[in-house]
Amino acid sequence: MTTKPAADPHAALLPGMAVIALWMLVLCLIGLFGIMTHHFPVFVIVFCAMYAVAAHGLLKLRRWGWALSLAAAFLSMSYGVYVLFRFHQTPAVVMAVVNFVFFLYLVRPEVISRIR
């Protein structure tokens, strides 16, 4: 009779990490939709791929997924701030704030301790 080893309590996905992964997938889908409707240039597919890979890595609790999600959140926040100040589009504040909150969540010690 074989028994499974006890699950490591630090290896569980936190709810916030799952929400961030879903957000990355939503950003990926928005980018793909924008490409298909010719609202975004074709090179945006690179960012869509980055969002999808980051979400996958974060859901699998991989360090590269965490790092890529951290970079994606920071770059999305920076883009939101750029759009706000350059083009004066106030809806960009929502994107910038959400990505800033996700960035701050990802650098918490509890999240970092869960990453393998």
C-alpha atoms as a PDB file:
ATOM      1  CA  MET A   1       0.000   0.000   0.000  1.00  0.00           C
ATOM      2  CA  THR A   2       1.459   3.306  -1.044  1.00  0.00           C
ATOM      3  CA  THR A   3       0.587   6.507   0.662  1.00  0.00           C
ATOM      4  CA  LYS A   4       0.857   9.936  -0.791  1.00  0.00           C
ATOM      5  CA  PRO A   5       3.119  12.374   0.998  1.00  0.00           C
ATOM      6  CA  ALA A   6       1.403  15.171   2.846  1.00  0.00           C
ATOM      7  CA  ALA A   7       0.741  18.136   0.615  1.00  0.00           C
ATOM      8  CA  ASP A   8       2.943  21.115   1.258  1.00  0.00           C
ATOM      9  CA  PRO A   9       0.712  23.913   2.605  1.00  0.00           C
ATOM     10  CA  HIS A  10       3.037  26.474   1.033  1.00  0.00           C
ATOM     11  CA  ALA A  11       2.536  25.000  -2.439  1.00  0.00           C
ATOM     12  CA  ALA A  12      -1.110  26.004  -2.774  1.00  0.00           C
ATOM     13  CA  LEU A  13      -2.346  28.654  -5.146  1.00  0.00           C
ATOM     14  CA  LEU A  14      -3.563  31.776  -3.388  1.00  0.00           C
ATOM     15  CA  PRO A  15      -6.896  33.239  -4.547  1.00  0.00           C
ATOM     16  CA  GLY A  16      -5.228  36.501  -5.516  1.00  0.00           C
ATOM     17  CA  MET A  17      -2.792  34.662  -7.753  1.00  0.00           C
ATOM     18  CA  ALA A  18      -5.696  32.996  -9.547  1.00  0.00           C
ATOM     19  CA  VAL A  19      -7.377  36.386 -10.056  1.00  0.00           C
ATOM     20  CA  ILE A  20      -4.171  37.825 -11.477  1.00  0.00           C
ATOM     21  CA  ALA A  21      -3.862  34.871 -13.869  1.00  0.00           C
ATOM     22  CA  LEU A  22      -7.455  35.433 -15.008  1.00  0.00           C
ATOM     23  CA  TRP A  23      -6.714  39.134 -15.502  1.00  0.00           C
ATOM     24  CA  MET A  24      -3.722  38.237 -17.665  1.00  0.00           C
ATOM     25  CA  LEU A  25      -5.911  35.944 -19.763  1.00  0.00           C
ATOM     26  CA  VAL A  26      -8.534  38.694 -20.141  1.00  0.00           C
ATOM     27  CA  LEU A  27      -5.835  41.109 -21.322  1.00  0.00           C
ATOM     28  CA  CYS A  28      -4.678  38.454 -23.784  1.00  0.00           C
ATOM     29  CA  LEU A  29      -8.195  38.012 -25.153  1.00  0.00           C
ATOM     30  CA  ILE A  30      -8.727  41.772 -25.421  1.00  0.00           C
ATOM     31  CA  GLY A  31      -5.514  42.068 -27.410  1.00  0.00           C
ATOM     32  CA  LEU A  32      -6.453  39.197 -29.712  1.00  0.00           C
ATOM     33  CA  PHE A  33      -9.897  40.686 -30.279  1.00  0.00           C
ATOM     34  CA  GLY A  34      -8.310  44.051 -31.066  1.00  0.00           C
ATOM     35  CA  ILE A  35      -6.002  42.408 -33.601  1.00  0.00           C
ATOM     36  CA  MET A  36      -8.863  40.546 -35.282  1.00  0.00           C
ATOM     37  CA  THR A  37     -10.971  43.707 -35.547  1.00  0.00           C
ATOM     38  CA  HIS A  38      -7.965  45.729 -36.818  1.00  0.00           C
ATOM     39  CA  HIS A  39      -7.981  48.118 -33.849  1.00  0.00           C
ATOM     40  CA  PHE A  40      -4.498  47.010 -32.735  1.00  0.00           C
ATOM     41  CA  PRO A  41      -1.398  46.413 -34.845  1.00  0.00           C
ATOM     42  CA  VAL A  42      -0.282  42.833 -35.422  1.00  0.00           C
ATOM     43  CA  PHE A  43       2.775  43.085 -33.141  1.00  0.00           C
ATOM     44  CA  VAL A  44       0.423  43.217 -30.130  1.00  0.00           C
ATOM     45  CA  ILE A  45       0.261  39.441 -30.481  1.00  0.00           C
ATOM     46  CA  VAL A  46       3.663  39.342 -28.740  1.00  0.00           C
ATOM     47  CA  PHE A  47       2.119  40.941 -25.662  1.00  0.00           C
ATOM     48  CA  CYS A  48      -0.864  38.599 -25.878  1.00  0.00           C
ATOM     49  CA  ALA A  49       1.488  35.642 -25.860  1.00  0.00           C
ATOM     50  CA  MET A  50       3.350  37.116 -22.874  1.00  0.00           C
ATOM     51  CA  TYR A  51       0.085  37.472 -20.954  1.00  0.00           C
ATOM     52  CA  ALA A  52      -0.977  33.909 -21.762  1.00  0.00           C
ATOM     53  CA  VAL A  53       2.388  32.393 -20.815  1.00  0.00           C
ATOM     54  CA  ALA A  54       2.527  34.476 -17.626  1.00  0.00           C
ATOM     55  CA  ALA A  55      -0.939  33.298 -16.596  1.00  0.00           C
ATOM     56  CA  HIS A  56      -0.022  29.672 -17.266  1.00  0.00           C
ATOM     57  CA  GLY A  57       3.230  29.924 -15.303  1.00  0.00           C
ATOM     58  CA  LEU A  58       1.544  31.674 -12.399  1.00  0.00           C
ATOM     59  CA  LEU A  59      -1.181  29.022 -12.210  1.00  0.00           C
ATOM     60  CA  LYS A  60       1.524  26.325 -12.183  1.00  0.00           C
ATOM     61  CA  LEU A  61       3.347  28.220  -9.379  1.00  0.00           C
ATOM     62  CA  ARG A  62       6.553  28.538 -11.375  1.00  0.00           C
ATOM     63  CA  ARG A  63       9.101  31.216 -10.603  1.00  0.00           C
ATOM     64  CA  TRP A  64       9.335  32.234 -14.267  1.00  0.00           C
ATOM     65  CA  GLY A  65       5.539  32.604 -14.340  1.00  0.00           C
ATOM     66  CA  TRP A  66       5.678  34.837 -11.285  1.00  0.00           C
ATOM     67  CA  ALA A  67       8.465  36.950 -12.807  1.00  0.00           C
ATOM     68  CA  LEU A  68       6.659  37.239 -16.129  1.00  0.00           C
ATOM     69  CA  SER A  69       3.403  38.175 -14.375  1.00  0.00           C
ATOM     70  CA  LEU A  70       5.262  40.772 -12.344  1.00  0.00           C
ATOM     71  CA  ALA A  71       6.762  42.244 -15.507  1.00  0.00           C
ATOM     72  CA  ALA A  72       3.423  42.148 -17.339  1.00  0.00           C
ATOM     73  CA  ALA A  73       1.636  43.916 -14.471  1.00  0.00           C
ATOM     74  CA  PHE A  74       4.355  46.578 -14.297  1.00  0.00           C
ATOM     75  CA  LEU A  75       4.398  47.168 -18.055  1.00  0.00           C
ATOM     76  CA  SER A  76       0.597  47.321 -18.228  1.00  0.00           C
ATOM     77  CA  MET A  77       0.559  49.800 -15.361  1.00  0.00           C
ATOM     78  CA  SER A  78       3.218  51.900 -17.081  1.00  0.00           C
ATOM     79  CA  TYR A  79       1.256  51.856 -20.335  1.00  0.00           C
ATOM     80  CA  GLY A  80      -1.892  52.963 -18.482  1.00  0.00           C
ATOM     81  CA  VAL A  81      -0.035  55.894 -16.933  1.00  0.00           C
ATOM     82  CA  TYR A  82       1.445  56.795 -20.326  1.00  0.00           C
ATOM     83  CA  VAL A  83      -1.996  56.780 -21.978  1.00  0.00           C
ATOM     84  CA  LEU A  84      -3.382  58.897 -19.154  1.00  0.00           C
ATOM     85  CA  PHE A  85      -0.731  61.604 -19.378  1.00  0.00           C
ATOM     86  CA  ARG A  86      -0.072  61.527 -23.121  1.00  0.00           C
ATOM     87  CA  PHE A  87      -3.615  61.196 -24.475  1.00  0.00           C
ATOM     88  CA  HIS A  88      -5.628  62.324 -21.427  1.00  0.00           C
ATOM     89  CA  GLN A  89      -7.831  59.219 -21.472  1.00  0.00           C
ATOM     90  CA  THR A  90      -9.133  58.900 -17.942  1.00  0.00           C
ATOM     91  CA  PRO A  91     -10.341  55.265 -18.294  1.00  0.00           C
ATOM     92  CA  ALA A  92      -6.650  54.318 -18.376  1.00  0.00           C
ATOM     93  CA  VAL A  93      -6.538  55.138 -14.662  1.00  0.00           C
ATOM     94  CA  VAL A  94      -8.543  51.976 -13.950  1.00  0.00           C
ATOM     95  CA  MET A  95      -6.064  49.800 -15.838  1.00  0.00           C
ATOM     96  CA  ALA A  96      -3.099  51.486 -14.169  1.00  0.00           C
ATOM     97  CA  VAL A  97      -4.532  51.148 -10.660  1.00  0.00           C
ATOM     98  CA  VAL A  98      -5.589  47.508 -11.112  1.00  0.00           C
ATOM     99  CA  ASN A  99      -2.174  46.551 -12.450  1.00  0.00           C
ATOM    100  CA  PHE A 100      -0.453  48.498  -9.661  1.00  0.00           C
ATOM    101  CA  VAL A 101      -2.468  46.599  -7.046  1.00  0.00           C
ATOM    102  CA  PHE A 102      -1.597  43.303  -8.754  1.00  0.00           C
ATOM    103  CA  PHE A 103       2.071  44.293  -8.835  1.00  0.00           C
ATOM    104  CA  LEU A 104       2.039  45.059  -5.116  1.00  0.00           C
ATOM    105  CA  TYR A 105       0.235  41.775  -4.413  1.00  0.00           C
ATOM    106  CA  LEU A 106       2.805  39.759  -6.358  1.00  0.00           C
ATOM    107  CA  VAL A 107       5.726  41.141  -4.326  1.00  0.00           C
ATOM    108  CA  ARG A 108       4.193  40.158  -0.984  1.00  0.00           C
ATOM    109  CA  PRO A 109       6.260  37.631   0.999  1.00  0.00           C
ATOM    110  CA  GLU A 110       3.303  35.215   1.184  1.00  0.00           C
ATOM    111  CA  VAL A 111       3.118  35.054  -2.600  1.00  0.00           C
ATOM    112  CA  ILE A 112       6.856  34.713  -3.074  1.00  0.00           C
ATOM    113  CA  SER A 113       7.000  31.856  -0.553  1.00  0.00           C
ATOM    114  CA  ARG A 114       4.420  29.890  -2.617  1.00  0.00           C
ATOM    115  CA  ILE A 115       6.470  30.012  -5.808  1.00  0.00           C
ATOM    116  CA  ARG A 116       8.681  26.998  -6.576  1.00  0.00           C
END
